[in-house]
């Protein structure tokens, strides 16, 4: 279930947040609330097969160089443009 704290802090439809959270938790295999690069690459492999491109996308989203992406960052990165 989507944590309530996210609902008041992001400006996207709740239905999108819930779907994105379901996807995020599916790929968060170690259940620590973040995606490391290998977990994120498994998600991206659904639509992007080039590993260098996957790593490039991860680096853009990992703006603080923590080697992980939290749900908020994942949500922003998956918002359709």
Foldseek 3Di string as FASTA:
>chain_A
DDDPVVVVPDPDDPVLLVVLVVLQCVLPVVPPQKHALVSQVVVCCVPDVDSVVSVVLVPVLPVVPPRIHGSVSSSVSPPDD
